[in-house]
Structure formats: structure tokens, C-alpha cells
Amino acid sequence: MKEPRVWAAARPRAPHRPGDRTGAGAPFAQSNGGLTYGFHYAHPTDEIYRIKGYDFGFAPVPTSPRPYTTVCSSPLVFQPGSGWNYSVSVDVLGRLIEIWSGQSFESFLQERVLGPLAMTDTDWYCPKRNGRLAMLYVPHGGDSFPFEELAKGATHAPRIHGGGGGLVSSASDYQRFMTMLLQGGSWTACGCSRVARSS
């Protein structure tokens, strides 16, 4: 993102124009950094993501930093801060947290969020269903159907611990997390004085 480029459809011979440099992680936390998802099928940049292997999830690559480099080298859908788009923004924010903290994103979450909030039922996967892992359903034609293939993803460790999703949790753990947000970054019920600064 050192030299971001924004898609400019009106200029077919030079389809990208210089973009404004983003400030810290705010555009990624708020999904207004100009990134996208390949599965949107709504913008030419979506197709670029798909060509690079990012349709739904990460392309099959061996190491953590590479997918973010690949995504961030694609043109932006809009100037950072000028719009909103459901995208890989929070995944990129997760990678920035790794860089800033010097920790893996998995370790950072455990040390700074999951541990302090005593979210013991929350992890990146649930190896044994043992009756507790709920089935995922998808809507179709006014009805809903189990999506077994997607549900299997929650039974093994992910290749990449992305900031945009992947945690498996319980209702009680999620309630702890939401209570912390409602209380401005702290939750005294579990003896946690402060998880996050209000900003």
C-alpha cells in the first residue's frame, strides 16, 4: 500500500490512477480502504482478485505475508476513505497488527482479547464436534439448507489466521466480547479492567 493505485474505468489505456496513501489501520478497520472480495462479481478489481486466486478465502500459498502482498498490489476500487466496501480490509488489518505487535495474529488475540475476557470456548477451529458445533445453513429459494462443505472448515486448523474471520465461538463467549464493546473496552465482570482503548 506504499503506492496504491485506484481503478479508473474511464481511462482504458491507463486503467489505474495514483491513490491516496492510507493512514495507519483506520481505513481497514472501517472497510473503507478501497479493497474488495473476489466473490462480489461487481467491479473489475473483483475479477483481478479472482485471477490471483482470491475468490472465497485465501489462495493456496504457504506463508502468511504473501497473500496480503498479493491483495494489496491489486488496484483499489475507490480512493481510501471515500467509500465503503465489504472486503479483505480486516484481514489486512490483522496482518498490520502482526507487524506492529511483533506477534502472530493468533497469539495477539489470545493475549490481548480472548485470554483477558476468559473466552475459553473461542478458537480458530473445533477439532471434535461432540454435539457442540452447530451446522452452517445457507438461504436458497425461500428456504435454508445445511452447507456441510463450509462447516468442515471449522474442524481443522486454518492455514492463515486472518483478521476477517475464522474464529469458532459460543454464545456465552460472544456475549462477553459484545459486553466489553458496550462498556468501552473493558469488562469488570471477569476482572478485566481494560482490553482496548476507546478510539
N, C-alpha and C. Protein backbone atom coordinates (compact mmCIF):
# COMPACT_ATOMS: atom_id res chain seq x y z
N MET A 1 0.82 -1.20 0.00
CA MET A 1 0.00 0.00 0.00
C MET A 1 0.86 1.27 0.00
N LYS A 2 2.16 1.11 -0.24
CA LYS A 2 3.03 2.28 -0.26
C LYS A 2 2.69 3.19 -1.43
N GLU A 3 2.34 2.60 -2.57
CA GLU A 3 1.96 3.37 -3.76
C GLU A 3 0.65 2.81 -4.30
N PRO A 4 -0.47 3.06 -3.61
CA PRO A 4 -1.75 2.49 -4.03
C PRO A 4 -2.20 3.03 -5.39
N ARG A 5 -2.88 2.16 -6.13
CA ARG A 5 -3.43 2.55 -7.43
C ARG A 5 -4.93 2.30 -7.38
N VAL A 6 -5.71 3.22 -7.93
CA VAL A 6 -7.17 3.13 -7.93
C VAL A 6 -7.66 2.87 -9.34
N TRP A 7 -8.62 1.97 -9.48
CA TRP A 7 -9.19 1.64 -10.78
C TRP A 7 -9.87 2.88 -11.36
N ALA A 8 -9.57 3.18 -12.63
CA ALA A 8 -10.19 4.32 -13.31
C ALA A 8 -10.77 3.82 -14.63
N ALA A 9 -12.04 3.46 -14.63
CA ALA A 9 -12.66 2.82 -15.79
C ALA A 9 -12.70 3.72 -17.01
N ALA A 10 -12.69 5.02 -16.82
CA ALA A 10 -12.80 5.94 -17.96
C ALA A 10 -11.50 6.05 -18.75
N ARG A 11 -10.44 5.40 -18.29
CA ARG A 11 -9.16 5.51 -18.98
C ARG A 11 -8.67 4.11 -19.34
N PRO A 12 -9.20 3.53 -20.44
CA PRO A 12 -8.88 2.14 -20.76
C PRO A 12 -7.40 1.89 -21.03
N ARG A 13 -6.67 2.89 -21.53
CA ARG A 13 -5.25 2.66 -21.78
C ARG A 13 -4.40 2.77 -20.50
N ALA A 14 -4.92 3.44 -19.52
CA ALA A 14 -4.23 3.55 -18.22
C ALA A 14 -5.29 3.36 -17.14
N PRO A 15 -5.74 2.10 -16.94
CA PRO A 15 -6.88 1.86 -16.06
C PRO A 15 -6.66 2.15 -14.58
N HIS A 16 -5.43 2.48 -14.18
CA HIS A 16 -5.18 2.78 -12.78
C HIS A 16 -4.66 4.20 -12.63
N ARG A 17 -5.07 4.86 -11.57
CA ARG A 17 -4.55 6.20 -11.27
C ARG A 17 -3.96 6.17 -9.87
N PRO A 18 -3.04 7.08 -9.54
CA PRO A 18 -2.46 7.08 -8.20
C PRO A 18 -3.53 7.22 -7.14
N GLY A 19 -3.34 6.52 -6.04
CA GLY A 19 -4.28 6.60 -4.92
C GLY A 19 -3.65 7.33 -3.76
N ASP A 20 -4.50 7.81 -2.86
CA ASP A 20 -4.02 8.46 -1.65
C ASP A 20 -3.49 7.39 -0.71
N ARG A 21 -2.40 7.67 -0.04
CA ARG A 21 -1.86 6.72 0.91
C ARG A 21 -2.78 6.66 2.13
N THR A 22 -3.03 5.45 2.61
CA THR A 22 -3.93 5.28 3.75
C THR A 22 -3.21 5.62 5.04
N GLY A 23 -3.97 6.09 6.03
CA GLY A 23 -3.40 6.45 7.32
C GLY A 23 -3.55 5.32 8.31
N ALA A 24 -2.44 4.77 8.75
CA ALA A 24 -2.40 3.68 9.73
C ALA A 24 -3.40 2.59 9.36
N GLY A 25 -4.18 2.09 10.34
CA GLY A 25 -5.08 0.98 10.06
C GLY A 25 -6.53 1.37 10.00
N ALA A 26 -6.86 2.63 10.22
CA ALA A 26 -8.26 3.05 10.29
C ALA A 26 -9.08 2.67 9.06
N PRO A 27 -8.59 2.90 7.82
CA PRO A 27 -9.41 2.54 6.66
C PRO A 27 -9.70 1.04 6.59
N PHE A 28 -8.79 0.22 7.13
CA PHE A 28 -9.00 -1.22 7.09
C PHE A 28 -9.97 -1.67 8.17
N ALA A 29 -9.90 -1.05 9.34
CA ALA A 29 -10.83 -1.38 10.42
C ALA A 29 -12.26 -1.01 10.04
N GLN A 30 -12.43 0.03 9.22
CA GLN A 30 -13.75 0.52 8.86
C GLN A 30 -14.20 0.07 7.47
N SER A 31 -13.43 -0.81 6.83
CA SER A 31 -13.75 -1.33 5.49
C SER A 31 -13.92 -0.23 4.44
N ASN A 32 -13.19 0.87 4.60
CA ASN A 32 -13.27 1.91 3.58
C ASN A 32 -11.89 2.21 2.99
N GLY A 33 -11.05 1.17 2.94
CA GLY A 33 -9.71 1.33 2.38
C GLY A 33 -9.63 1.12 0.88
N GLY A 34 -10.76 0.77 0.24
CA GLY A 34 -10.77 0.58 -1.21
C GLY A 34 -10.53 -0.85 -1.66
N LEU A 35 -10.41 -1.79 -0.72
CA LEU A 35 -10.21 -3.20 -1.06
C LEU A 35 -11.55 -3.86 -1.37
N THR A 36 -11.51 -5.12 -1.78
CA THR A 36 -12.75 -5.81 -2.15
C THR A 36 -12.62 -7.30 -1.87
N TYR A 37 -13.58 -8.09 -2.34
CA TYR A 37 -13.55 -9.56 -2.33
C TYR A 37 -13.75 -10.02 -3.76
N GLY A 38 -13.11 -11.12 -4.12
CA GLY A 38 -13.29 -11.66 -5.47
C GLY A 38 -14.69 -12.15 -5.74
N PHE A 39 -15.40 -12.60 -4.70
CA PHE A 39 -16.73 -13.18 -4.93
C PHE A 39 -17.83 -12.15 -5.13
N HIS A 40 -17.49 -10.85 -5.08
CA HIS A 40 -18.52 -9.83 -5.30
C HIS A 40 -19.05 -9.83 -6.74
N TYR A 41 -18.19 -10.05 -7.72
CA TYR A 41 -18.59 -10.00 -9.13
C TYR A 41 -19.29 -8.68 -9.46
N ALA A 42 -18.78 -7.57 -8.91
CA ALA A 42 -19.43 -6.28 -9.12
C ALA A 42 -18.51 -5.22 -9.70
N HIS A 43 -17.21 -5.48 -9.75
CA HIS A 43 -16.24 -4.46 -10.16
C HIS A 43 -15.06 -5.16 -10.85
N PRO A 44 -14.41 -4.50 -11.81
CA PRO A 44 -13.25 -5.13 -12.47
C PRO A 44 -12.16 -5.58 -11.50
N THR A 45 -11.99 -4.88 -10.39
CA THR A 45 -10.99 -5.29 -9.41
C THR A 45 -11.35 -6.63 -8.78
N ASP A 46 -12.65 -6.92 -8.63
CA ASP A 46 -13.06 -8.22 -8.10
C ASP A 46 -12.50 -9.33 -8.97
N GLU A 47 -12.54 -9.13 -10.28
CA GLU A 47 -12.03 -10.14 -11.20
C GLU A 47 -10.52 -10.31 -11.06
N ILE A 48 -9.82 -9.21 -10.81
CA ILE A 48 -8.37 -9.29 -10.60
C ILE A 48 -8.08 -10.15 -9.37
N TYR A 49 -8.87 -10.00 -8.32
CA TYR A 49 -8.70 -10.83 -7.13
C TYR A 49 -8.90 -12.30 -7.49
N ARG A 50 -9.94 -12.59 -8.28
CA ARG A 50 -10.22 -13.98 -8.64
C ARG A 50 -9.09 -14.57 -9.48
N ILE A 51 -8.57 -13.78 -10.40
CA ILE A 51 -7.45 -14.25 -11.24
C ILE A 51 -6.25 -14.60 -10.36
N LYS A 52 -6.05 -13.84 -9.29
CA LYS A 52 -4.94 -14.10 -8.38
C LYS A 52 -5.25 -15.23 -7.39
N GLY A 53 -6.45 -15.78 -7.48
CA GLY A 53 -6.80 -16.92 -6.63
C GLY A 53 -7.59 -16.59 -5.39
N TYR A 54 -8.11 -15.37 -5.30
CA TYR A 54 -8.84 -14.95 -4.10
C TYR A 54 -10.31 -14.76 -4.42
N ASP A 55 -11.01 -15.88 -4.59
CA ASP A 55 -12.45 -15.82 -4.84
C ASP A 55 -13.16 -15.81 -3.49
N PHE A 56 -13.10 -16.90 -2.78
CA PHE A 56 -13.67 -17.00 -1.44
C PHE A 56 -12.56 -17.55 -0.54
N GLY A 57 -11.97 -16.69 0.26
CA GLY A 57 -10.85 -17.10 1.10
C GLY A 57 -9.52 -16.78 0.45
N PHE A 58 -8.46 -17.33 1.02
CA PHE A 58 -7.12 -17.06 0.55
C PHE A 58 -6.70 -18.06 -0.51
N ALA A 59 -5.85 -17.62 -1.45
CA ALA A 59 -5.27 -18.52 -2.44
C ALA A 59 -4.34 -19.49 -1.72
N PRO A 60 -4.13 -20.68 -2.30
CA PRO A 60 -3.26 -21.67 -1.65
C PRO A 60 -1.79 -21.28 -1.69
N VAL A 61 -1.33 -20.55 -0.72
CA VAL A 61 0.08 -20.14 -0.63
C VAL A 61 0.64 -20.59 0.71
N PRO A 62 1.93 -20.82 0.80
CA PRO A 62 2.50 -21.43 2.01
C PRO A 62 2.71 -20.50 3.20
N THR A 63 2.90 -19.20 3.00
CA THR A 63 3.26 -18.34 4.12
C THR A 63 2.26 -17.21 4.32
N SER A 64 2.26 -16.65 5.54
CA SER A 64 1.28 -15.63 5.90
C SER A 64 1.42 -14.30 5.16
N PRO A 65 2.61 -13.69 5.08
CA PRO A 65 2.65 -12.35 4.47
C PRO A 65 2.28 -12.30 3.00
N ARG A 66 2.53 -13.37 2.25
CA ARG A 66 2.36 -13.32 0.80
C ARG A 66 0.96 -12.98 0.33
N PRO A 67 -0.11 -13.58 0.90
CA PRO A 67 -1.44 -13.21 0.40
C PRO A 67 -1.77 -11.74 0.54
N TYR A 68 -1.29 -11.13 1.61
CA TYR A 68 -1.57 -9.72 1.83
C TYR A 68 -0.82 -8.85 0.82
N THR A 69 0.40 -9.26 0.50
CA THR A 69 1.18 -8.55 -0.51
C THR A 69 0.47 -8.63 -1.85
N THR A 70 -0.04 -9.81 -2.18
CA THR A 70 -0.73 -10.01 -3.45
C THR A 70 -2.00 -9.17 -3.52
N VAL A 71 -2.80 -9.19 -2.47
CA VAL A 71 -4.05 -8.43 -2.44
C VAL A 71 -3.77 -6.93 -2.50
N CYS A 72 -2.80 -6.47 -1.71
CA CYS A 72 -2.53 -5.03 -1.63
C CYS A 72 -1.84 -4.49 -2.87
N SER A 73 -1.36 -5.37 -3.75
CA SER A 73 -0.77 -4.90 -5.00
C SER A 73 -1.82 -4.77 -6.10
N SER A 74 -3.05 -5.16 -5.82
CA SER A 74 -4.15 -5.01 -6.78
C SER A 74 -4.69 -3.59 -6.72
N PRO A 75 -5.29 -3.11 -7.82
CA PRO A 75 -5.86 -1.75 -7.78
C PRO A 75 -7.01 -1.67 -6.78
N LEU A 76 -7.18 -0.50 -6.20
CA LEU A 76 -8.27 -0.26 -5.26
C LEU A 76 -9.55 0.04 -6.02
N VAL A 77 -10.67 -0.24 -5.40
CA VAL A 77 -11.98 0.04 -6.01
C VAL A 77 -12.27 1.54 -5.97
N PHE A 78 -11.80 2.22 -4.91
CA PHE A 78 -12.00 3.66 -4.77
C PHE A 78 -10.88 4.23 -3.91
N GLN A 79 -10.79 5.55 -3.87
CA GLN A 79 -9.80 6.21 -3.02
C GLN A 79 -10.07 5.84 -1.56
N PRO A 80 -9.03 5.50 -0.80
CA PRO A 80 -9.24 5.18 0.62
C PRO A 80 -9.99 6.29 1.34
N GLY A 81 -11.03 5.87 2.09
CA GLY A 81 -11.82 6.81 2.86
C GLY A 81 -12.98 7.43 2.11
N SER A 82 -13.09 7.16 0.80
CA SER A 82 -14.16 7.81 0.02
C SER A 82 -15.38 6.92 -0.18
N GLY A 83 -15.36 5.72 0.34
CA GLY A 83 -16.50 4.81 0.18
C GLY A 83 -16.41 3.69 1.18
N TRP A 84 -17.33 2.73 1.07
CA TRP A 84 -17.33 1.57 1.95
C TRP A 84 -17.55 0.34 1.09
N ASN A 85 -16.82 -0.74 1.37
CA ASN A 85 -16.97 -1.98 0.61
C ASN A 85 -16.61 -3.16 1.49
N TYR A 86 -17.51 -4.12 1.58
CA TYR A 86 -17.23 -5.36 2.30
C TYR A 86 -16.04 -6.02 1.62
N SER A 87 -14.97 -6.28 2.38
CA SER A 87 -13.73 -6.66 1.71
C SER A 87 -12.75 -7.37 2.64
N VAL A 88 -11.55 -7.60 2.12
CA VAL A 88 -10.46 -8.22 2.88
C VAL A 88 -9.79 -7.20 3.81
N SER A 89 -10.38 -6.04 3.98
CA SER A 89 -9.77 -4.97 4.79
C SER A 89 -9.37 -5.45 6.18
N VAL A 90 -10.25 -6.18 6.86
CA VAL A 90 -9.95 -6.60 8.22
C VAL A 90 -8.88 -7.68 8.23
N ASP A 91 -8.78 -8.46 7.16
CA ASP A 91 -7.67 -9.41 7.03
C ASP A 91 -6.35 -8.66 6.96
N VAL A 92 -6.32 -7.59 6.18
CA VAL A 92 -5.12 -6.77 6.07
C VAL A 92 -4.80 -6.13 7.42
N LEU A 93 -5.83 -5.69 8.14
CA LEU A 93 -5.62 -5.12 9.47
C LEU A 93 -4.98 -6.16 10.40
N GLY A 94 -5.42 -7.42 10.29
CA GLY A 94 -4.81 -8.48 11.08
C GLY A 94 -3.32 -8.61 10.81
N ARG A 95 -2.93 -8.50 9.54
CA ARG A 95 -1.51 -8.56 9.18
C ARG A 95 -0.76 -7.34 9.73
N LEU A 96 -1.40 -6.16 9.69
CA LEU A 96 -0.76 -4.97 10.25
C LEU A 96 -0.55 -5.12 11.76
N ILE A 97 -1.49 -5.75 12.44
CA ILE A 97 -1.34 -6.00 13.87
C ILE A 97 -0.12 -6.88 14.12
N GLU A 98 0.08 -7.88 13.25
CA GLU A 98 1.27 -8.73 13.40
C GLU A 98 2.55 -7.91 13.26
N ILE A 99 2.58 -7.02 12.29
CA ILE A 99 3.76 -6.19 12.06
C ILE A 99 4.00 -5.24 13.24
N TRP A 100 2.93 -4.57 13.68
CA TRP A 100 3.06 -3.59 14.76
C TRP A 100 3.39 -4.23 16.10
N SER A 101 2.81 -5.41 16.39
CA SER A 101 2.99 -6.04 17.70
C SER A 101 4.20 -6.96 17.76
N GLY A 102 4.66 -7.44 16.59
CA GLY A 102 5.74 -8.41 16.58
C GLY A 102 5.27 -9.81 16.98
N GLN A 103 3.96 -10.02 17.01
CA GLN A 103 3.37 -11.31 17.37
C GLN A 103 2.56 -11.85 16.20
N SER A 104 2.31 -13.15 16.22
CA SER A 104 1.36 -13.69 15.25
C SER A 104 -0.02 -13.16 15.64
N PHE A 105 -0.92 -13.06 14.66
CA PHE A 105 -2.26 -12.56 14.96
C PHE A 105 -2.96 -13.47 15.95
N GLU A 106 -2.73 -14.78 15.82
CA GLU A 106 -3.32 -15.76 16.72
C GLU A 106 -2.87 -15.50 18.16
N SER A 107 -1.57 -15.29 18.37
CA SER A 107 -1.04 -15.03 19.71
C SER A 107 -1.53 -13.70 20.26
N PHE A 108 -1.59 -12.69 19.39
CA PHE A 108 -2.06 -11.37 19.81
C PHE A 108 -3.49 -11.44 20.33
N LEU A 109 -4.37 -12.11 19.59
CA LEU A 109 -5.77 -12.21 20.02
C LEU A 109 -5.88 -12.96 21.34
N GLN A 110 -5.10 -14.04 21.48
CA GLN A 110 -5.17 -14.82 22.71
C GLN A 110 -4.70 -13.99 23.91
N GLU A 111 -3.61 -13.26 23.72
CA GLU A 111 -3.03 -12.49 24.82
C GLU A 111 -3.81 -11.22 25.16
N ARG A 112 -4.35 -10.56 24.15
CA ARG A 112 -4.94 -9.24 24.36
C ARG A 112 -6.47 -9.24 24.42
N VAL A 113 -7.11 -10.29 23.90
CA VAL A 113 -8.58 -10.28 23.86
C VAL A 113 -9.17 -11.55 24.49
N LEU A 114 -8.90 -12.70 23.90
CA LEU A 114 -9.54 -13.94 24.34
C LEU A 114 -9.17 -14.29 25.78
N GLY A 115 -7.88 -14.20 26.13
CA GLY A 115 -7.43 -14.52 27.48
C GLY A 115 -8.02 -13.59 28.52
N PRO A 116 -7.84 -12.26 28.35
CA PRO A 116 -8.39 -11.33 29.35
C PRO A 116 -9.90 -11.42 29.53
N LEU A 117 -10.61 -11.78 28.49
CA LEU A 117 -12.07 -11.89 28.60
C LEU A 117 -12.52 -13.29 28.99
N ALA A 118 -11.55 -14.17 29.25
CA ALA A 118 -11.85 -15.56 29.63
C ALA A 118 -12.76 -16.24 28.61
N MET A 119 -12.48 -15.98 27.32
CA MET A 119 -13.27 -16.59 26.24
C MET A 119 -12.68 -17.97 25.92
N THR A 120 -12.92 -18.92 26.82
CA THR A 120 -12.30 -20.24 26.73
C THR A 120 -12.94 -21.14 25.68
N ASP A 121 -14.10 -20.76 25.17
CA ASP A 121 -14.77 -21.55 24.13
C ASP A 121 -14.49 -21.01 22.73
N THR A 122 -13.57 -20.06 22.60
CA THR A 122 -13.30 -19.44 21.31
C THR A 122 -11.92 -19.84 20.81
N ASP A 123 -11.90 -20.33 19.57
CA ASP A 123 -10.63 -20.75 18.97
C ASP A 123 -10.78 -20.69 17.46
N TRP A 124 -9.71 -21.02 16.75
CA TRP A 124 -9.74 -20.97 15.29
C TRP A 124 -10.38 -22.20 14.67
N TYR A 125 -10.59 -23.23 15.47
CA TYR A 125 -11.28 -24.42 14.96
C TYR A 125 -11.75 -25.26 16.14
N CYS A 126 -12.62 -26.19 15.85
CA CYS A 126 -13.18 -27.09 16.86
C CYS A 126 -12.94 -28.51 16.34
N PRO A 127 -11.84 -29.16 16.74
CA PRO A 127 -11.47 -30.45 16.15
C PRO A 127 -12.51 -31.55 16.34
N LYS A 128 -13.27 -31.49 17.43
CA LYS A 128 -14.29 -32.51 17.68
C LYS A 128 -15.65 -31.84 17.78
N ARG A 129 -16.58 -32.33 16.99
CA ARG A 129 -17.91 -31.72 17.03
C ARG A 129 -18.61 -31.98 18.35
N ASN A 130 -18.45 -33.13 18.89
CA ASN A 130 -19.03 -33.57 20.17
C ASN A 130 -20.36 -32.89 20.54
N GLY A 131 -21.19 -32.69 19.53
CA GLY A 131 -22.52 -32.16 19.76
C GLY A 131 -22.60 -30.67 19.99
N ARG A 132 -21.47 -29.96 20.02
CA ARG A 132 -21.49 -28.53 20.32
C ARG A 132 -21.33 -27.66 19.09
N LEU A 133 -20.77 -28.17 18.02
CA LEU A 133 -20.54 -27.36 16.82
C LEU A 133 -21.80 -27.36 15.95
N ALA A 134 -22.39 -26.19 15.81
CA ALA A 134 -23.64 -26.07 15.05
C ALA A 134 -23.39 -26.16 13.55
N MET A 135 -24.36 -26.65 12.83
CA MET A 135 -24.28 -26.72 11.37
C MET A 135 -24.47 -25.32 10.79
N LEU A 136 -23.80 -25.05 9.69
CA LEU A 136 -23.99 -23.80 8.96
C LEU A 136 -25.07 -23.99 7.91
N TYR A 137 -25.93 -23.00 7.74
CA TYR A 137 -27.01 -23.07 6.77
C TYR A 137 -26.91 -21.90 5.79
N VAL A 138 -27.35 -22.14 4.57
CA VAL A 138 -27.37 -21.08 3.56
C VAL A 138 -28.80 -20.93 3.04
N PRO A 139 -29.22 -19.69 2.75
CA PRO A 139 -30.58 -19.48 2.21
C PRO A 139 -30.62 -19.80 0.72
N HIS A 140 -31.73 -20.35 0.29
CA HIS A 140 -31.92 -20.61 -1.14
C HIS A 140 -33.40 -20.80 -1.42
N GLY A 141 -33.93 -19.98 -2.31
CA GLY A 141 -35.32 -20.11 -2.73
C GLY A 141 -36.32 -20.03 -1.60
N GLY A 142 -36.08 -19.18 -0.63
CA GLY A 142 -37.02 -19.02 0.48
C GLY A 142 -36.86 -20.07 1.56
N ASP A 143 -35.90 -20.96 1.42
CA ASP A 143 -35.66 -22.00 2.42
C ASP A 143 -34.19 -21.93 2.84
N SER A 144 -33.77 -22.80 3.72
CA SER A 144 -32.36 -22.86 4.12
C SER A 144 -31.89 -24.30 4.09
N PHE A 145 -30.61 -24.47 3.75
CA PHE A 145 -30.05 -25.80 3.59
C PHE A 145 -28.69 -25.88 4.28
N PRO A 146 -28.35 -27.04 4.87
CA PRO A 146 -27.05 -27.18 5.52
C PRO A 146 -25.92 -27.07 4.49
N PHE A 147 -24.86 -26.41 4.86
CA PHE A 147 -23.69 -26.24 3.99
C PHE A 147 -22.55 -27.02 4.62
N GLU A 148 -22.56 -28.32 4.41
CA GLU A 148 -21.61 -29.23 5.05
C GLU A 148 -20.17 -28.91 4.69
N GLU A 149 -19.92 -28.58 3.44
CA GLU A 149 -18.55 -28.32 2.99
C GLU A 149 -17.93 -27.14 3.74
N LEU A 150 -18.70 -26.07 3.93
CA LEU A 150 -18.20 -24.91 4.65
C LEU A 150 -18.06 -25.23 6.14
N ALA A 151 -18.96 -26.03 6.66
CA ALA A 151 -18.91 -26.40 8.08
C ALA A 151 -17.65 -27.20 8.40
N LYS A 152 -17.16 -27.99 7.44
CA LYS A 152 -15.96 -28.79 7.68
C LYS A 152 -14.75 -27.92 7.95
N GLY A 153 -14.76 -26.68 7.43
CA GLY A 153 -13.65 -25.77 7.64
C GLY A 153 -13.42 -25.44 9.10
N ALA A 154 -14.44 -25.60 9.92
CA ALA A 154 -14.33 -25.28 11.34
C ALA A 154 -13.78 -26.43 12.17
N THR A 155 -13.46 -27.56 11.52
CA THR A 155 -13.00 -28.74 12.26
C THR A 155 -11.49 -28.95 12.16
N HIS A 156 -10.78 -28.08 11.47
CA HIS A 156 -9.32 -28.21 11.39
C HIS A 156 -8.67 -26.82 11.42
N ALA A 157 -7.42 -26.78 11.81
CA ALA A 157 -6.70 -25.50 11.93
C ALA A 157 -6.58 -24.84 10.57
N PRO A 158 -6.79 -23.53 10.50
CA PRO A 158 -6.68 -22.81 9.22
C PRO A 158 -5.21 -22.65 8.81
N ARG A 159 -4.97 -22.49 7.50
CA ARG A 159 -3.62 -22.23 7.01
C ARG A 159 -3.16 -20.84 7.43
N ILE A 160 -4.09 -19.88 7.42
CA ILE A 160 -3.77 -18.50 7.75
C ILE A 160 -4.79 -18.00 8.77
N HIS A 161 -4.31 -17.37 9.82
CA HIS A 161 -5.20 -16.79 10.83
C HIS A 161 -5.51 -15.36 10.40
N GLY A 162 -6.58 -15.21 9.63
CA GLY A 162 -6.93 -13.91 9.07
C GLY A 162 -7.76 -13.07 10.01
N GLY A 163 -7.61 -11.76 9.89
CA GLY A 163 -8.37 -10.86 10.75
C GLY A 163 -9.84 -10.76 10.39
N GLY A 164 -10.22 -11.22 9.20
CA GLY A 164 -11.58 -11.05 8.73
C GLY A 164 -12.54 -12.15 9.12
N GLY A 165 -12.08 -13.21 9.72
CA GLY A 165 -12.99 -14.28 10.10
C GLY A 165 -12.26 -15.57 10.39
N GLY A 166 -13.02 -16.53 10.88
CA GLY A 166 -12.43 -17.84 11.11
C GLY A 166 -12.55 -18.34 12.53
N LEU A 167 -12.87 -17.47 13.49
CA LEU A 167 -13.00 -17.93 14.86
C LEU A 167 -14.30 -18.71 15.05
N VAL A 168 -14.23 -19.74 15.87
CA VAL A 168 -15.40 -20.52 16.25
C VAL A 168 -15.64 -20.21 17.72
N SER A 169 -16.88 -19.91 18.07
CA SER A 169 -17.14 -19.46 19.44
C SER A 169 -18.48 -19.96 19.94
N SER A 170 -18.76 -19.64 21.19
CA SER A 170 -20.06 -19.99 21.79
C SER A 170 -20.83 -18.70 22.04
N ALA A 171 -22.12 -18.84 22.28
CA ALA A 171 -22.95 -17.67 22.54
C ALA A 171 -22.49 -16.93 23.79
N SER A 172 -22.08 -17.66 24.82
CA SER A 172 -21.66 -17.01 26.06
C SER A 172 -20.35 -16.25 25.88
N ASP A 173 -19.40 -16.81 25.10
CA ASP A 173 -18.16 -16.10 24.83
C ASP A 173 -18.43 -14.84 24.00
N TYR A 174 -19.31 -14.97 23.03
CA TYR A 174 -19.61 -13.81 22.19
C TYR A 174 -20.29 -12.72 23.02
N GLN A 175 -21.09 -13.13 23.98
CA GLN A 175 -21.73 -12.17 24.88
C GLN A 175 -20.69 -11.41 25.68
N ARG A 176 -19.63 -12.09 26.11
CA ARG A 176 -18.54 -11.44 26.82
C ARG A 176 -17.89 -10.37 25.94
N PHE A 177 -17.63 -10.75 24.70
CA PHE A 177 -16.98 -9.83 23.77
C PHE A 177 -17.86 -8.60 23.51
N MET A 178 -19.15 -8.82 23.26
CA MET A 178 -20.05 -7.70 22.99
C MET A 178 -20.23 -6.81 24.22
N THR A 179 -20.24 -7.40 25.41
CA THR A 179 -20.34 -6.61 26.64
C THR A 179 -19.13 -5.72 26.79
N MET A 180 -17.95 -6.26 26.46
CA MET A 180 -16.72 -5.46 26.51
C MET A 180 -16.82 -4.26 25.58
N LEU A 181 -17.36 -4.46 24.37
CA LEU A 181 -17.52 -3.35 23.44
C LEU A 181 -18.50 -2.31 23.98
N LEU A 182 -19.62 -2.78 24.52
CA LEU A 182 -20.62 -1.87 25.06
C LEU A 182 -20.09 -1.06 26.24
N GLN A 183 -19.12 -1.61 26.96
CA GLN A 183 -18.56 -0.92 28.11
C GLN A 183 -17.28 -0.17 27.76
N GLY A 184 -17.09 0.11 26.48
CA GLY A 184 -15.98 0.96 26.07
C GLY A 184 -14.61 0.32 26.12
N GLY A 185 -14.55 -1.01 26.05
CA GLY A 185 -13.25 -1.68 26.00
C GLY A 185 -12.88 -2.40 27.28
N SER A 186 -13.78 -2.50 28.24
CA SER A 186 -13.48 -3.21 29.48
C SER A 186 -14.67 -4.05 29.91
N TRP A 187 -14.40 -5.01 30.78
CA TRP A 187 -15.49 -5.82 31.32
C TRP A 187 -15.11 -6.25 32.72
N THR A 188 -15.64 -5.59 33.71
CA THR A 188 -15.26 -5.83 35.09
C THR A 188 -15.78 -7.16 35.62
N ALA A 189 -16.79 -7.73 34.97
CA ALA A 189 -17.37 -8.99 35.44
C ALA A 189 -16.34 -10.12 35.44
N CYS A 190 -15.34 -10.04 34.54
CA CYS A 190 -14.33 -11.09 34.51
C CYS A 190 -13.00 -10.58 35.05
N GLY A 191 -13.03 -9.44 35.75
CA GLY A 191 -11.82 -8.89 36.33
C GLY A 191 -10.90 -8.24 35.31
N CYS A 192 -11.42 -7.97 34.14
CA CYS A 192 -10.62 -7.36 33.07
C CYS A 192 -10.86 -5.85 33.09
N SER A 193 -9.86 -5.10 33.47
CA SER A 193 -10.05 -3.66 33.60
C SER A 193 -10.07 -2.96 32.26
N ARG A 194 -9.25 -3.42 31.31
CA ARG A 194 -9.21 -2.76 30.01
C ARG A 194 -8.68 -3.71 28.94
N VAL A 195 -9.43 -3.90 27.87
CA VAL A 195 -8.99 -4.70 26.74
C VAL A 195 -8.52 -3.77 25.63
N ALA A 196 -9.31 -2.74 25.35
CA ALA A 196 -8.97 -1.83 24.25
C ALA A 196 -9.21 -0.39 24.67
N ARG A 197 -8.40 0.49 24.14
CA ARG A 197 -8.63 1.93 24.34
C ARG A 197 -9.82 2.37 23.53
N SER A 198 -10.56 3.33 24.03
CA SER A 198 -11.66 3.89 23.26
C SER A 198 -11.05 4.87 22.25
N SER A 199 -11.28 4.62 20.97
CA SER A 199 -10.73 5.50 19.93
C SER A 199 -11.60 5.43 18.70
